[in-house]
PDB file of N, CA and C in Angstrom:
ATOM      1  N   MET A   1     140.539-125.584 -16.650  1.00  0.00           N
ATOM      2  CA  MET A   1     140.788-124.639 -15.590  1.00  0.00           C
ATOM      3  C   MET A   1     139.755-123.518 -15.612  1.00  0.00           C
ATOM      4  N   ASN A   2     139.488-122.958 -16.799  1.00  0.00           N
ATOM      5  CA  ASN A   2     138.517-121.867 -16.886  1.00  0.00           C
ATOM      6  C   ASN A   2     137.130-122.308 -16.479  1.00  0.00           C
ATOM      7  N   ASN A   3     136.722-123.532 -16.871  1.00  0.00           N
ATOM      8  CA  ASN A   3     135.399-124.024 -16.496  1.00  0.00           C
ATOM      9  C   ASN A   3     135.262-124.136 -14.993  1.00  0.00           C
ATOM     10  N   THR A   4     136.318-124.556 -14.318  1.00  0.00           N
ATOM     11  CA  THR A   4     136.281-124.669 -12.867  1.00  0.00           C
ATOM     12  C   THR A   4     136.109-123.295 -12.243  1.00  0.00           C
ATOM     13  N   ARG A   5     136.820-122.313 -12.748  1.00  0.00           N
ATOM     14  CA  ARG A   5     136.717-120.950 -12.217  1.00  0.00           C
ATOM     15  C   ARG A   5     135.314-120.400 -12.442  1.00  0.00           C
ATOM     16  N   PHE A   6     134.768-120.623 -13.627  1.00  0.00           N
ATOM     17  CA  PHE A   6     133.422-120.129 -13.910  1.00  0.00           C
ATOM     18  C   PHE A   6     132.385-120.844 -13.057  1.00  0.00           C
ATOM     19  N   LEU A   7     132.564-122.136 -12.862  1.00  0.00           N
ATOM     20  CA  LEU A   7     131.639-122.898 -12.028  1.00  0.00           C
ATOM     21  C   LEU A   7     131.672-122.378 -10.591  1.00  0.00           C
ATOM     22  N   PHE A   8     132.861-122.131 -10.072  1.00  0.00           N
ATOM     23  CA  PHE A   8     132.989-121.585  -8.720  1.00  0.00           C
ATOM     24  C   PHE A   8     132.322-120.218  -8.628  1.00  0.00           C
ATOM     25  N   THR A   9     132.547-119.362  -9.621  1.00  0.00           N
ATOM     26  CA  THR A   9     131.936-118.035  -9.639  1.00  0.00           C
ATOM     27  C   THR A   9     130.420-118.132  -9.673  1.00  0.00           C
ATOM     28  N   ALA A  10     129.913-119.034 -10.488  1.00  0.00           N
ATOM     29  CA  ALA A  10     128.462-119.195 -10.605  1.00  0.00           C
ATOM     30  C   ALA A  10     127.844-119.585  -9.273  1.00  0.00           C
ATOM     31  N   PHE A  11     128.428-120.561  -8.612  1.00  0.00           N
ATOM     32  CA  PHE A  11     127.858-121.000  -7.348  1.00  0.00           C
ATOM     33  C   PHE A  11     128.046-119.968  -6.250  1.00  0.00           C
ATOM     34  N   ALA A  12     129.121-119.193  -6.310  1.00  0.00           N
ATOM     35  CA  ALA A  12     129.298-118.109  -5.338  1.00  0.00           C
ATOM     36  C   ALA A  12     128.185-117.084  -5.505  1.00  0.00           C
ATOM     37  N   PHE A  13     127.816-116.791  -6.731  1.00  0.00           N
ATOM     38  CA  PHE A  13     126.729-115.842  -6.950  1.00  0.00           C
ATOM     39  C   PHE A  13     125.380-116.430  -6.572  1.00  0.00           C
ATOM     40  N   LEU A  14     125.210-117.730  -6.747  1.00  0.00           N
ATOM     41  CA  LEU A  14     123.958-118.353  -6.327  1.00  0.00           C
ATOM     42  C   LEU A  14     123.775-118.239  -4.822  1.00  0.00           C
ATOM     43  N   VAL A  15     124.853-118.346  -4.075  1.00  0.00           N
ATOM     44  CA  VAL A  15     124.785-118.190  -2.626  1.00  0.00           C
ATOM     45  C   VAL A  15     124.498-116.731  -2.268  1.00  0.00           C
ATOM     46  N   ALA A  16     125.003-115.810  -3.071  1.00  0.00           N
ATOM     47  CA  ALA A  16     124.847-114.385  -2.779  1.00  0.00           C
ATOM     48  C   ALA A  16     123.522-113.806  -3.246  1.00  0.00           C
ATOM     49  N   ILE A  17     122.745-114.536  -4.029  1.00  0.00           N
ATOM     50  CA  ILE A  17     121.501-114.004  -4.585  1.00  0.00           C
ATOM     51  C   ILE A  17     120.566-113.442  -3.523  1.00  0.00           C
ATOM     52  N   PRO A  18     120.350-114.140  -2.396  1.00  0.00           N
ATOM     53  CA  PRO A  18     119.435-113.564  -1.405  1.00  0.00           C
ATOM     54  C   PRO A  18     119.865-112.187  -0.908  1.00  0.00           C
ATOM     55  N   ALA A  19     121.163-111.906  -0.947  1.00  0.00           N
ATOM     56  CA  ALA A  19     121.656-110.615  -0.488  1.00  0.00           C
ATOM     57  C   ALA A  19     121.524-109.527  -1.550  1.00  0.00           C
ATOM     58  N   MET A  20     121.282-109.912  -2.784  1.00  0.00           N
ATOM     59  CA  MET A  20     121.162-108.926  -3.855  1.00  0.00           C
ATOM     60  C   MET A  20     119.782-108.272  -3.802  1.00  0.00           C
ATOM     61  N   ALA A  21     119.746-106.945  -3.918  1.00  0.00           N
ATOM     62  CA  ALA A  21     118.489-106.223  -3.789  1.00  0.00           C
ATOM     63  C   ALA A  21     117.711-106.155  -5.106  1.00  0.00           C
ATOM     64  N   LYS A  22     118.398-106.154  -6.223  1.00  0.00           N
ATOM     65  CA  LYS A  22     117.686-105.968  -7.487  1.00  0.00           C
ATOM     66  C   LYS A  22     117.660-107.244  -8.312  1.00  0.00           C
ATOM     67  N   ASP A  23     116.591-107.382  -9.074  1.00  0.00           N
ATOM     68  CA  ASP A  23     116.482-108.504  -9.997  1.00  0.00           C
ATOM     69  C   ASP A  23     117.293-108.196 -11.246  1.00  0.00           C
ATOM     70  N   PRO A  24     117.835-109.218 -11.882  1.00  0.00           N
ATOM     71  CA  PRO A  24     118.549-108.999 -13.138  1.00  0.00           C
ATOM     72  C   PRO A  24     117.605-108.437 -14.203  1.00  0.00           C
ATOM     73  N   VAL A  25     118.135-107.601 -15.061  1.00  0.00           N
ATOM     74  CA  VAL A  25     117.346-107.025 -16.152  1.00  0.00           C
ATOM     75  C   VAL A  25     117.384-108.000 -17.320  1.00  0.00           C
ATOM     76  N   ILE A  26     116.220-108.592 -17.625  1.00  0.00           N
ATOM     77  CA  ILE A  26     116.106-109.575 -18.701  1.00  0.00           C
ATOM     78  C   ILE A  26     115.208-108.980 -19.780  1.00  0.00           C
ATOM     79  N   SER A  27     115.790-108.759 -20.969  1.00  0.00           N
ATOM     80  CA  SER A  27     115.003-108.158 -22.047  1.00  0.00           C
ATOM     81  C   SER A  27     114.151-109.190 -22.769  1.00  0.00           C
ATOM     82  N   SER A  28     114.623-110.459 -22.822  1.00  0.00           N
ATOM     83  CA  SER A  28     113.812-111.505 -23.442  1.00  0.00           C
ATOM     84  C   SER A  28     114.194-112.871 -22.889  1.00  0.00           C
ATOM     85  N   ASN A  29     113.182-113.738 -22.825  1.00  0.00           N
ATOM     86  CA  ASN A  29     113.374-115.113 -22.405  1.00  0.00           C
ATOM     87  C   ASN A  29     112.533-115.984 -23.332  1.00  0.00           C
ATOM     88  N   THR A  30     113.184-116.575 -24.314  1.00  0.00           N
ATOM     89  CA  THR A  30     112.475-117.417 -25.281  1.00  0.00           C
ATOM     90  C   THR A  30     112.696-118.905 -25.004  1.00  0.00           C
ATOM     91  N   SER A  31     113.176-119.218 -23.811  1.00  0.00           N
ATOM     92  CA  SER A  31     113.504-120.600 -23.459  1.00  0.00           C
ATOM     93  C   SER A  31     112.277-121.452 -23.164  1.00  0.00           C
ATOM     94  N   GLY A  32     111.175-120.833 -22.806  1.00  0.00           N
ATOM     95  CA  GLY A  32     109.994-121.578 -22.410  1.00  0.00           C
ATOM     96  C   GLY A  32     110.004-121.971 -20.942  1.00  0.00           C
ATOM     97  N   ILE A  33     111.082-121.677 -20.223  1.00  0.00           N
ATOM     98  CA  ILE A  33     111.170-121.988 -18.792  1.00  0.00           C
ATOM     99  C   ILE A  33     110.475-120.882 -18.017  1.00  0.00           C
ATOM    100  N   THR A  34     109.527-121.268 -17.176  1.00  0.00           N
ATOM    101  CA  THR A  34     108.732-120.288 -16.431  1.00  0.00           C
ATOM    102  C   THR A  34     109.095-120.229 -14.945  1.00  0.00           C
ATOM    103  N   ASP A  35     110.070-121.021 -14.519  1.00  0.00           N
ATOM    104  CA  ASP A  35     110.519-121.017 -13.127  1.00  0.00           C
ATOM    105  C   ASP A  35     111.360-119.760 -12.887  1.00  0.00           C
ATOM    106  N   ASP A  36     110.741-118.736 -12.289  1.00  0.00           N
ATOM    107  CA  ASP A  36     111.418-117.453 -12.080  1.00  0.00           C
ATOM    108  C   ASP A  36     112.677-117.581 -11.231  1.00  0.00           C
ATOM    109  N   LYS A  37     112.646-118.449 -10.235  1.00  0.00           N
ATOM    110  CA  LYS A  37     113.812-118.631  -9.373  1.00  0.00           C
ATOM    111  C   LYS A  37     114.991-119.162 -10.175  1.00  0.00           C
ATOM    112  N   LEU A  38     114.745-120.156 -11.022  1.00  0.00           N
ATOM    113  CA  LEU A  38     115.803-120.714 -11.865  1.00  0.00           C
ATOM    114  C   LEU A  38     116.326-119.675 -12.849  1.00  0.00           C
ATOM    115  N   ILE A  39     115.423-118.967 -13.508  1.00  0.00           N
ATOM    116  CA  ILE A  39     115.840-117.956 -14.491  1.00  0.00           C
ATOM    117  C   ILE A  39     116.652-116.859 -13.818  1.00  0.00           C
ATOM    118  N   ASN A  40     116.224-116.388 -12.651  1.00  0.00           N
ATOM    119  CA  ASN A  40     116.980-115.350 -11.943  1.00  0.00           C
ATOM    120  C   ASN A  40     118.332-115.868 -11.478  1.00  0.00           C
ATOM    121  N   SER A  41     118.418-117.135 -11.078  1.00  0.00           N
ATOM    122  CA  SER A  41     119.694-117.723 -10.671  1.00  0.00           C
ATOM    123  C   SER A  41     120.658-117.808 -11.849  1.00  0.00           C
ATOM    124  N   VAL A  42     120.154-118.270 -12.979  1.00  0.00           N
ATOM    125  CA  VAL A  42     120.967-118.360 -14.187  1.00  0.00           C
ATOM    126  C   VAL A  42     121.416-116.959 -14.618  1.00  0.00           C
ATOM    127  N   ALA A  43     120.508-116.008 -14.556  1.00  0.00           N
ATOM    128  CA  ALA A  43     120.837-114.632 -14.938  1.00  0.00           C
ATOM    129  C   ALA A  43     121.908-114.050 -14.021  1.00  0.00           C
ATOM    130  N   ALA A  44     121.754-114.234 -12.718  1.00  0.00           N
ATOM    131  CA  ALA A  44     122.732-113.698 -11.759  1.00  0.00           C
ATOM    132  C   ALA A  44     124.102-114.343 -11.955  1.00  0.00           C
ATOM    133  N   ALA A  45     124.129-115.648 -12.187  1.00  0.00           N
ATOM    134  CA  ALA A  45     125.399-116.335 -12.428  1.00  0.00           C
ATOM    135  C   ALA A  45     126.061-115.826 -13.701  1.00  0.00           C
ATOM    136  N   SER A  46     125.260-115.559 -14.728  1.00  0.00           N
ATOM    137  CA  SER A  46     125.797-115.049 -15.992  1.00  0.00           C
ATOM    138  C   SER A  46     126.356-113.643 -15.823  1.00  0.00           C
ATOM    139  N   ILE A  47     125.646-112.817 -15.083  1.00  0.00           N
ATOM    140  CA  ILE A  47     126.134-111.458 -14.811  1.00  0.00           C
ATOM    141  C   ILE A  47     127.458-111.536 -14.064  1.00  0.00           C
ATOM    142  N   GLY A  48     127.524-112.427 -13.085  1.00  0.00           N
ATOM    143  CA  GLY A  48     128.757-112.606 -12.329  1.00  0.00           C
ATOM    144  C   GLY A  48     129.908-113.123 -13.170  1.00  0.00           C
ATOM    145  N   SER A  49     129.595-113.754 -14.274  1.00  0.00           N
ATOM    146  CA  SER A  49     130.609-114.295 -15.180  1.00  0.00           C
ATOM    147  C   SER A  49     130.921-113.353 -16.335  1.00  0.00           C
ATOM    148  N   GLY A  50     130.333-112.161 -16.328  1.00  0.00           N
ATOM    149  CA  GLY A  50     130.723-111.154 -17.305  1.00  0.00           C
ATOM    150  C   GLY A  50     129.697-110.722 -18.324  1.00  0.00           C
ATOM    151  N   VAL A  51     128.521-111.328 -18.360  1.00  0.00           N
ATOM    152  CA  VAL A  51     127.489-110.895 -19.303  1.00  0.00           C
ATOM    153  C   VAL A  51     126.879-109.596 -18.780  1.00  0.00           C
ATOM    154  N   LYS A  52     126.744-108.619 -19.645  1.00  0.00           N
ATOM    155  CA  LYS A  52     126.200-107.313 -19.255  1.00  0.00           C
ATOM    156  C   LYS A  52     124.710-107.232 -19.552  1.00  0.00           C
ATOM    157  N   GLU A  53     123.966-106.630 -18.630  1.00  0.00           N
ATOM    158  CA  GLU A  53     122.522-106.439 -18.795  1.00  0.00           C
ATOM    159  C   GLU A  53     122.248-105.426 -19.900  1.00  0.00           C
ATOM    160  N   PRO A  54     121.093-105.487 -20.513  1.00  0.00           N
ATOM    161  CA  PRO A  54     119.981-106.421 -20.354  1.00  0.00           C
ATOM    162  C   PRO A  54     120.314-107.769 -20.982  1.00  0.00           C
ATOM    163  N   LEU A  55     119.757-108.826 -20.404  1.00  0.00           N
ATOM    164  CA  LEU A  55     120.058-110.192 -20.813  1.00  0.00           C
ATOM    165  C   LEU A  55     119.022-110.746 -21.784  1.00  0.00           C
ATOM    166  N   LYS A  56     119.486-111.632 -22.651  1.00  0.00           N
ATOM    167  CA  LYS A  56     118.612-112.385 -23.555  1.00  0.00           C
ATOM    168  C   LYS A  56     118.844-113.856 -23.245  1.00  0.00           C
ATOM    169  N   ILE A  57     117.777-114.558 -22.885  1.00  0.00           N
ATOM    170  CA  ILE A  57     117.881-115.965 -22.515  1.00  0.00           C
ATOM    171  C   ILE A  57     117.151-116.799 -23.558  1.00  0.00           C
ATOM    172  N   SER A  58     117.843-117.819 -24.064  1.00  0.00           N
ATOM    173  CA  SER A  58     117.240-118.725 -25.041  1.00  0.00           C
ATOM    174  C   SER A  58     117.680-120.141 -24.705  1.00  0.00           C
ATOM    175  N   GLY A  59     117.069-121.100 -25.356  1.00  0.00           N
ATOM    176  CA  GLY A  59     117.429-122.492 -25.139  1.00  0.00           C
ATOM    177  C   GLY A  59     116.207-123.332 -24.842  1.00  0.00           C
ATOM    178  N   ASN A  60     116.413-124.367 -24.007  1.00  0.00           N
ATOM    179  CA  ASN A  60     115.339-125.293 -23.677  1.00  0.00           C
ATOM    180  C   ASN A  60     115.569-125.854 -22.280  1.00  0.00           C
ATOM    181  N   ALA A  61     114.850-126.899 -21.926  1.00  0.00           N
ATOM    182  CA  ALA A  61     114.940-127.470 -20.578  1.00  0.00           C
ATOM    183  C   ALA A  61     116.269-128.171 -20.315  1.00  0.00           C
ATOM    184  N   ASN A  62     117.081-128.376 -21.345  1.00  0.00           N
ATOM    185  CA  ASN A  62     118.373-129.052 -21.181  1.00  0.00           C
ATOM    186  C   ASN A  62     119.564-128.111 -21.156  1.00  0.00           C
ATOM    187  N   GLN A  63     119.439-126.950 -21.819  1.00  0.00           N
ATOM    188  CA  GLN A  63     120.564-126.022 -21.906  1.00  0.00           C
ATOM    189  C   GLN A  63     120.073-124.619 -22.227  1.00  0.00           C
ATOM    190  N   LEU A  64     120.614-123.648 -21.514  1.00  0.00           N
ATOM    191  CA  LEU A  64     120.280-122.254 -21.759  1.00  0.00           C
ATOM    192  C   LEU A  64     121.491-121.514 -22.296  1.00  0.00           C
ATOM    193  N   SER A  65     121.223-120.502 -23.094  1.00  0.00           N
ATOM    194  CA  SER A  65     122.244-119.602 -23.594  1.00  0.00           C
ATOM    195  C   SER A  65     121.868-118.197 -23.147  1.00  0.00           C
ATOM    196  N   ILE A  66     122.811-117.492 -22.528  1.00  0.00           N
ATOM    197  CA  ILE A  66     122.552-116.158 -22.004  1.00  0.00           C
ATOM    198  C   ILE A  66     123.535-115.195 -22.639  1.00  0.00           C
ATOM    199  N   SER A  67     123.006-114.178 -23.285  1.00  0.00           N
ATOM    200  CA  SER A  67     123.830-113.131 -23.878  1.00  0.00           C
ATOM    201  C   SER A  67     123.333-111.791 -23.365  1.00  0.00           C
ATOM    202  N   GLY A  68     124.098-110.754 -23.659  1.00  0.00           N
ATOM    203  CA  GLY A  68     123.721-109.433 -23.177  1.00  0.00           C
ATOM    204  C   GLY A  68     124.223-108.358 -24.106  1.00  0.00           C
ATOM    205  N   SER A  69     124.518-107.201 -23.522  1.00  0.00           N
ATOM    206  CA  SER A  69     124.905-106.045 -24.317  1.00  0.00           C
ATOM    207  C   SER A  69     126.393-106.051 -24.677  1.00  0.00           C
ATOM    208  N   ASN A  70     127.137-107.065 -24.233  1.00  0.00           N
ATOM    209  CA  ASN A  70     128.523-107.205 -24.659  1.00  0.00           C
ATOM    210  C   ASN A  70     128.674-108.544 -25.400  1.00  0.00           C
ATOM    211  N   LYS A  71     129.893-108.941 -25.693  1.00  0.00           N
ATOM    212  CA  LYS A  71     130.101-110.150 -26.489  1.00  0.00           C
ATOM    213  C   LYS A  71     130.174-111.426 -25.660  1.00  0.00           C
ATOM    214  N   THR A  72     130.120-111.330 -24.351  1.00  0.00           N
ATOM    215  CA  THR A  72     130.183-112.516 -23.502  1.00  0.00           C
ATOM    216  C   THR A  72     128.874-113.297 -23.595  1.00  0.00           C
ATOM    217  N   VAL A  73     128.988-114.606 -23.792  1.00  0.00           N
ATOM    218  CA  VAL A  73     127.828-115.497 -23.866  1.00  0.00           C
ATOM    219  C   VAL A  73     128.081-116.668 -22.923  1.00  0.00           C
ATOM    220  N   CYS A  74     127.093-116.986 -22.108  1.00  0.00           N
ATOM    221  CA  CYS A  74     127.200-118.113 -21.191  1.00  0.00           C
ATOM    222  C   CYS A  74     126.264-119.240 -21.630  1.00  0.00           C
ATOM    223  N   THR A  75     126.731-120.459 -21.470  1.00  0.00           N
ATOM    224  CA  THR A  75     125.938-121.649 -21.705  1.00  0.00           C
ATOM    225  C   THR A  75     125.768-122.348 -20.367  1.00  0.00           C
ATOM    226  N   VAL A  76     124.518-122.667 -20.039  1.00  0.00           N
ATOM    227  CA  VAL A  76     124.205-123.288 -18.755  1.00  0.00           C
ATOM    228  C   VAL A  76     123.471-124.604 -18.996  1.00  0.00           C
ATOM    229  N   PRO A  77     124.138-125.739 -18.737  1.00  0.00           N
ATOM    230  CA  PRO A  77     123.431-127.022 -18.838  1.00  0.00           C
ATOM    231  C   PRO A  77     122.486-127.186 -17.648  1.00  0.00           C
ATOM    232  N   LEU A  78     121.324-127.776 -17.899  1.00  0.00           N
ATOM    233  CA  LEU A  78     120.322-127.999 -16.861  1.00  0.00           C
ATOM    234  C   LEU A  78     119.997-129.478 -16.763  1.00  0.00           C
ATOM    235  N   ALA A  79     119.634-129.904 -15.568  1.00  0.00           N
ATOM    236  CA  ALA A  79     119.146-131.265 -15.359  1.00  0.00           C
ATOM    237  C   ALA A  79     118.141-131.225 -14.219  1.00  0.00           C
ATOM    238  N   ASN A  80     116.975-131.760 -14.471  1.00  0.00           N
ATOM    239  CA  ASN A  80     115.910-131.769 -13.456  1.00  0.00           C
ATOM    240  C   ASN A  80     115.603-130.368 -12.925  1.00  0.00           C
ATOM    241  N   GLY A  81     115.649-129.371 -13.810  1.00  0.00           N
ATOM    242  CA  GLY A  81     115.316-128.004 -13.423  1.00  0.00           C
ATOM    243  C   GLY A  81     116.353-127.313 -12.580  1.00  0.00           C
ATOM    244  N   LYS A  82     117.595-127.787 -12.608  1.00  0.00           N
ATOM    245  CA  LYS A  82     118.671-127.172 -11.812  1.00  0.00           C
ATOM    246  C   LYS A  82     119.898-126.946 -12.683  1.00  0.00           C
ATOM    247  N   MET A  83     120.659-125.888 -12.330  1.00  0.00           N
ATOM    248  CA  MET A  83     121.909-125.605 -13.018  1.00  0.00           C
ATOM    249  C   MET A  83     122.915-126.711 -12.723  1.00  0.00           C
ATOM    250  N   LYS A  84     123.623-127.128 -13.758  1.00  0.00           N
ATOM    251  CA  LYS A  84     124.684-128.127 -13.600  1.00  0.00           C
ATOM    252  C   LYS A  84     126.053-127.564 -13.925  1.00  0.00           C
ATOM    253  N   GLY A  85     126.149-126.265 -14.024  1.00  0.00           N
ATOM    254  CA  GLY A  85     127.416-125.621 -14.335  1.00  0.00           C
ATOM    255  C   GLY A  85     127.177-124.398 -15.194  1.00  0.00           C
ATOM    256  N   ILE A  86     128.260-123.777 -15.590  1.00  0.00           N
ATOM    257  CA  ILE A  86     128.177-122.604 -16.476  1.00  0.00           C
ATOM    258  C   ILE A  86     129.500-122.492 -17.214  1.00  0.00           C
ATOM    259  N   SER A  87     129.418-122.134 -18.484  1.00  0.00           N
ATOM    260  CA  SER A  87     130.595-121.925 -19.305  1.00  0.00           C
ATOM    261  C   SER A  87     130.383-120.633 -20.084  1.00  0.00           C
ATOM    262  N   CYS A  88     131.329-119.707 -19.954  1.00  0.00           N
ATOM    263  CA  CYS A  88     131.174-118.405 -20.602  1.00  0.00           C
ATOM    264  C   CYS A  88     132.384-118.108 -21.487  1.00  0.00           C
ATOM    265  N   LYS A  89     132.089-117.466 -22.613  1.00  0.00           N
ATOM    266  CA  LYS A  89     133.158-117.060 -23.548  1.00  0.00           C
ATOM    267  C   LYS A  89     132.926-115.627 -23.952  1.00  0.00           C
TER     268      LYS A  89
END
């Protein structure tokens, strides 16, 4: 049930990204992913799921981990350079 709610929240924020005026504050990105659009989408979805800025992004081309200034951490599986969901604790 929680995964479904988080997935819905993530995609709602992905739709809302064009309306957002500011870019997410990312303090570090050690994932090696250079696609700014993907990173900003993942960051916005994580913020919408409770991670507080500034964000730290780590992982690889298959899965990202996003943490911030609070204890909430999101895991985002990727496939073919696209988000396949989000799970936050």
